[in-house]
Amino acid sequence: MTSGQSIVVQGNLRDTTEAVVFLPPAGSVTSPFLSVGALLPPSLPALHCELPGRGRLPHDEAPASVSAAVDRWTDDLTALLPEGRLHLFGHSLGALFAYELAARIEDHPRYEVVGLSVSGAREPGSAPRTLVAAAFEALRQDQRTTDKESDADGTWLTRDLHMRREHRITRQSVPAPLALFCGDSDPFARPADMTEWKRFTSGPFLGTFTFPGGHDYYLSGQAAIATTITNLVDRCRELPRTPVTESKSDS
């Protein structure tokens, strides 16, 4: 396993043009998806985005916004891979990171987002800020979804939730196939709550995939999650390329 700036590389990037990119939930210091990435096929490397200013990069400037974080990952990702077909997976706040990363990849002709998997999150701008804050405050009280030892006082989680509350999406839609992942007892994003994500993509809908557990369902059953991601990658290889249409900024 190696690291490339703000991205941890799991697997071999040599001669590859396809990879799964994992985007982190709020409060993460290190990637919580390394155990899932380890179960992907050897031909499918995993790239784990981590936030600067913490963890491996304590001396780097911490991003003040979702856009700043995704801009950094876009720069590091394009430096790691000369070209690529990317499958993005983002959980909770990471779903918003993944969406914004997909929007930026549109501007890089040597890359294509061929799959967007969003997990444990409602669509962008879905709830009043007070409801979002209340839901995530419950997560802050029980930090099982974060690196609790590295963020004992919840500093990173608090900063990340502020970024989430303040963010406004930069594109109305992205041309990527969409898959929804969720825990069957997640109080923040139930399966039915996530269907509005379809309005934010123009690619085909690949389905909703539900796993036992709550908001942190990905901490168990990693084999089933990795198998689902692998199957989706196989399906996306067979899909025709989605034409890129002009996107409008969200005002």
Protein backbone atom coordinates (compact mmCIF):
# COMPACT_ATOMS: atom_id res chain seq x y z
CA MET A 1 0.00 0.00 0.00
CA THR A 2 1.35 3.42 -0.96
CA SER A 3 0.22 7.00 -0.64
CA GLY A 4 0.02 9.76 -3.20
CA GLN A 5 -0.38 13.07 -1.44
CA SER A 6 -3.95 13.05 -0.07
CA ILE A 7 -4.78 9.67 -1.66
CA VAL A 8 -3.84 6.25 -0.29
CA VAL A 9 -3.30 3.71 -3.06
CA GLN A 10 -4.36 0.15 -2.33
CA GLY A 11 -3.25 -2.24 -5.06
CA ASN A 12 -1.17 -1.82 -8.20
CA LEU A 13 -1.69 1.17 -10.48
CA ARG A 14 0.81 -0.03 -13.07
CA ASP A 15 -0.82 -0.38 -16.48
CA THR A 16 -4.28 0.16 -15.00
CA THR A 17 -6.95 2.44 -16.42
CA GLU A 18 -9.70 1.57 -13.94
CA ALA A 19 -10.00 2.16 -10.20
CA VAL A 20 -12.48 2.53 -7.36
CA VAL A 21 -12.21 5.86 -5.53
CA PHE A 22 -13.50 5.98 -1.96
CA LEU A 23 -14.60 9.33 -0.48
CA PRO A 24 -14.70 9.64 3.32
CA PRO A 25 -17.57 10.35 5.71
CA ALA A 26 -17.51 13.32 8.08
CA GLY A 27 -14.99 13.04 10.89
CA SER A 28 -12.73 10.51 9.22
CA VAL A 29 -9.02 10.84 9.87
CA THR A 30 -7.98 7.74 7.93
CA SER A 31 -10.02 5.96 5.29
CA PRO A 32 -12.65 3.64 6.82
CA PHE A 33 -12.86 1.62 3.59
CA LEU A 34 -9.44 -0.06 3.54
CA SER A 35 -10.98 -3.39 4.59
CA VAL A 36 -13.45 -3.15 1.69
CA GLY A 37 -10.74 -2.20 -0.79
CA ALA A 38 -8.64 -5.19 0.31
CA LEU A 39 -11.43 -7.50 -0.88
CA LEU A 40 -11.67 -6.06 -4.39
CA PRO A 41 -10.10 -8.05 -7.25
CA PRO A 42 -6.33 -7.52 -7.75
CA SER A 43 -7.10 -5.96 -11.14
CA LEU A 44 -9.21 -3.25 -9.48
CA PRO A 45 -7.08 -0.95 -7.30
CA ALA A 46 -8.69 1.23 -4.66
CA LEU A 47 -7.86 4.90 -4.15
CA HIS A 48 -8.76 6.26 -0.72
CA CYS A 49 -9.16 10.03 -0.45
CA GLU A 50 -8.23 11.46 2.94
CA LEU A 51 -8.60 15.02 4.16
CA PRO A 52 -5.45 17.14 4.52
CA GLY A 53 -4.70 18.75 7.87
CA ARG A 54 -5.12 15.51 9.84
CA GLY A 55 -3.97 11.90 9.87
CA ARG A 56 -1.04 11.41 7.46
CA LEU A 57 -1.06 15.06 6.43
CA PRO A 58 -1.17 17.03 9.71
CA HIS A 59 0.95 19.88 8.34
CA ASP A 60 -1.07 20.42 5.17
CA GLU A 61 -3.67 23.14 5.09
CA ALA A 62 -7.08 21.78 6.07
CA PRO A 63 -9.74 22.53 3.44
CA ALA A 64 -12.27 25.13 4.50
CA SER A 65 -14.96 23.89 2.12
CA VAL A 66 -16.21 20.85 0.25
CA SER A 67 -15.00 22.45 -2.97
CA ALA A 68 -11.49 22.98 -1.61
CA ALA A 69 -11.28 19.35 -0.46
CA VAL A 70 -12.45 18.00 -3.81
CA ASP A 71 -10.14 20.33 -5.75
CA ARG A 72 -7.19 18.90 -3.81
CA TRP A 73 -8.26 15.31 -4.48
CA THR A 74 -8.80 16.07 -8.17
CA ASP A 75 -5.24 17.41 -8.47
CA ASP A 76 -3.73 14.44 -6.64
CA LEU A 77 -5.86 11.91 -8.51
CA THR A 78 -4.92 13.21 -11.94
CA ALA A 79 -1.26 13.23 -10.87
CA LEU A 80 -1.47 9.56 -9.86
CA LEU A 81 -3.25 8.25 -12.95
CA PRO A 82 -2.38 9.35 -16.50
CA GLU A 83 -5.94 8.42 -17.51
CA GLY A 84 -8.72 6.34 -16.12
CA ARG A 85 -12.23 4.99 -15.79
CA LEU A 86 -13.26 5.83 -12.24
CA HIS A 87 -15.88 4.29 -10.00
CA LEU A 88 -16.66 6.66 -7.14
CA PHE A 89 -18.01 5.50 -3.77
CA GLY A 90 -18.88 8.07 -1.11
CA HIS A 91 -20.58 7.54 2.23
CA SER A 92 -22.54 10.24 4.11
CA LEU A 93 -20.60 13.48 3.56
CA GLY A 94 -18.49 11.40 1.20
CA ALA A 95 -21.50 11.09 -1.11
CA LEU A 96 -21.38 14.86 -1.62
CA PHE A 97 -17.61 14.68 -2.10
CA ALA A 98 -18.13 11.97 -4.73
CA TYR A 99 -20.75 14.01 -6.55
CA GLU A 100 -18.50 17.06 -6.69
CA LEU A 101 -15.54 14.94 -7.80
CA ALA A 102 -17.67 13.53 -10.62
CA ALA A 103 -18.48 17.08 -11.70
CA ARG A 104 -14.81 18.02 -11.83
CA ILE A 105 -13.78 14.90 -13.73
CA GLU A 106 -16.07 16.10 -16.56
CA ASP A 107 -13.47 18.80 -17.22
CA HIS A 108 -10.66 16.23 -17.67
CA PRO A 109 -11.05 14.49 -21.04
CA ARG A 110 -8.57 11.71 -20.16
CA TYR A 111 -10.86 10.48 -17.38
CA GLU A 112 -14.41 9.25 -17.13
CA VAL A 113 -16.63 8.58 -14.13
CA VAL A 114 -18.27 5.32 -15.14
CA GLY A 115 -20.03 4.72 -11.83
CA LEU A 116 -21.25 6.86 -8.93
CA SER A 117 -22.19 4.96 -5.76
CA VAL A 118 -23.65 7.13 -3.02
CA SER A 119 -24.11 5.69 0.44
CA GLY A 120 -25.98 6.71 3.56
CA ALA A 121 -26.89 10.20 2.35
CA ARG A 122 -29.86 12.12 1.07
CA GLU A 123 -29.50 14.10 -2.12
CA PRO A 124 -27.68 17.47 -2.08
CA GLY A 125 -29.67 20.27 -0.48
CA SER A 126 -32.39 17.89 0.65
CA ALA A 127 -33.04 19.03 4.22
CA PRO A 128 -33.12 22.32 6.12
CA ARG A 129 -29.84 23.03 7.83
CA THR A 130 -31.36 22.57 11.27
CA LEU A 131 -32.45 19.01 10.47
CA VAL A 132 -29.09 18.12 8.99
CA ALA A 133 -27.35 19.54 12.04
CA ALA A 134 -29.59 17.61 14.40
CA ALA A 135 -29.03 14.34 12.57
CA PHE A 136 -25.28 14.71 12.51
CA GLU A 137 -25.15 15.86 16.12
CA ALA A 138 -26.48 12.43 17.03
CA LEU A 139 -23.55 10.95 15.11
CA ARG A 140 -21.14 13.22 16.96
CA GLN A 141 -22.39 11.87 20.27
CA ASP A 142 -21.68 8.32 19.07
CA GLN A 143 -18.58 8.54 16.92
CA ARG A 144 -18.46 4.96 15.74
CA THR A 145 -18.30 6.26 12.16
CA THR A 146 -15.14 8.26 12.82
CA ASP A 147 -11.59 7.66 14.02
CA LYS A 148 -12.66 8.18 17.62
CA GLU A 149 -9.20 7.90 19.16
CA SER A 150 -7.73 10.40 16.70
CA ASP A 151 -10.68 12.79 17.04
CA ALA A 152 -11.69 12.31 20.66
CA ASP A 153 -13.21 15.78 21.00
CA GLY A 154 -14.98 15.67 17.64
CA THR A 155 -12.96 18.55 16.14
CA TRP A 156 -12.72 17.07 12.65
CA LEU A 157 -16.32 15.95 12.66
CA THR A 158 -17.49 19.43 13.64
CA ARG A 159 -15.43 21.06 10.88
CA ASP A 160 -16.68 18.59 8.29
CA LEU A 161 -20.31 19.14 9.24
CA HIS A 162 -19.80 22.88 8.89
CA MET A 163 -18.51 22.29 5.34
CA ARG A 164 -21.57 20.16 4.62
CA ARG A 165 -24.02 22.77 5.89
CA GLU A 166 -22.40 25.59 3.92
CA HIS A 167 -21.94 23.80 0.60
CA ARG A 168 -23.92 24.49 -2.55
CA ILE A 169 -23.47 22.10 -5.48
CA THR A 170 -21.53 23.31 -8.50
CA ARG A 171 -23.39 21.23 -11.12
CA GLN A 172 -27.09 20.45 -11.45
CA SER A 173 -26.40 16.95 -12.82
CA VAL A 174 -23.52 14.61 -13.67
CA PRO A 175 -23.57 12.01 -16.49
CA ALA A 176 -22.70 8.95 -14.40
CA PRO A 177 -24.51 5.66 -13.76
CA LEU A 178 -25.93 5.80 -10.23
CA ALA A 179 -26.08 3.17 -7.48
CA LEU A 180 -27.48 3.69 -3.98
CA PHE A 181 -26.03 1.96 -0.90
CA CYS A 182 -27.62 2.12 2.53
CA GLY A 183 -28.10 0.39 5.87
CA ASP A 184 -31.56 -1.05 6.43
CA SER A 185 -31.87 0.70 9.80
CA ASP A 186 -30.09 3.98 9.04
CA PRO A 187 -32.18 6.74 10.67
CA PHE A 188 -30.48 9.48 8.67
CA ALA A 189 -30.86 8.09 5.14
CA ARG A 190 -33.41 5.34 4.70
CA PRO A 191 -33.56 3.54 1.34
CA ALA A 192 -36.69 5.45 0.30
CA ASP A 193 -35.06 8.75 1.26
CA MET A 194 -32.25 8.30 -1.24
CA THR A 195 -34.25 7.97 -4.45
CA GLU A 196 -34.05 11.71 -5.13
CA TRP A 197 -30.41 11.22 -6.08
CA LYS A 198 -31.75 10.14 -9.48
CA ARG A 199 -32.47 13.80 -10.26
CA PHE A 200 -28.76 14.58 -9.99
CA THR A 201 -27.49 12.12 -12.58
CA SER A 202 -28.26 11.61 -16.27
CA GLY A 203 -26.77 8.11 -16.45
CA PRO A 204 -28.68 4.85 -15.95
CA PHE A 205 -29.87 3.84 -12.50
CA LEU A 206 -28.10 0.67 -11.35
CA GLY A 207 -30.25 -0.06 -8.31
CA THR A 208 -30.49 0.27 -4.53
CA PHE A 209 -28.35 -2.06 -2.43
CA THR A 210 -29.32 -2.44 1.22
CA PHE A 211 -27.14 -3.99 3.92
CA PRO A 212 -27.82 -4.92 7.56
CA GLY A 213 -27.05 -2.11 9.97
CA GLY A 214 -27.42 1.58 10.60
CA HIS A 215 -25.50 4.60 9.36
CA ASP A 216 -22.19 2.79 9.90
CA TYR A 217 -23.27 -0.43 8.17
CA TYR A 218 -19.98 -0.54 6.23
CA LEU A 219 -18.07 -1.45 9.42
CA SER A 220 -19.38 -5.00 9.06
CA GLY A 221 -20.19 -7.18 6.09
CA GLN A 222 -17.28 -5.80 4.06
CA ALA A 223 -17.21 -8.89 1.84
CA ALA A 224 -20.79 -8.30 0.68
CA ILE A 225 -20.06 -4.62 0.02
CA ALA A 226 -16.91 -5.43 -1.95
CA THR A 227 -18.78 -8.06 -4.00
CA THR A 228 -21.53 -5.56 -4.81
CA ILE A 229 -19.00 -2.94 -5.90
CA THR A 230 -17.19 -5.50 -8.06
CA ASN A 231 -20.44 -6.57 -9.72
CA LEU A 232 -21.34 -2.95 -10.41
CA VAL A 233 -17.95 -2.34 -12.01
CA ASP A 234 -18.56 -5.32 -14.28
CA ARG A 235 -21.99 -3.98 -15.23
CA CYS A 236 -20.63 -0.51 -15.94
CA ARG A 237 -18.07 -1.94 -18.37
CA GLU A 238 -20.94 -3.12 -20.54
CA LEU A 239 -22.83 0.17 -20.55
CA PRO A 240 -22.60 2.56 -23.52
CA ARG A 241 -20.75 5.75 -22.77
CA THR A 242 -23.07 8.50 -21.56
CA PRO A 243 -22.83 11.67 -23.67
CA VAL A 244 -21.60 14.65 -21.66
CA THR A 245 -24.15 17.45 -21.66
CA GLU A 246 -23.67 21.04 -20.64
CA SER A 247 -24.16 21.55 -16.91
CA LYS A 248 -25.38 24.64 -15.17
CA SER A 249 -24.06 26.04 -11.96
CA ASP A 250 -26.33 25.97 -8.96
CA SER A 251 -27.15 29.51 -7.99
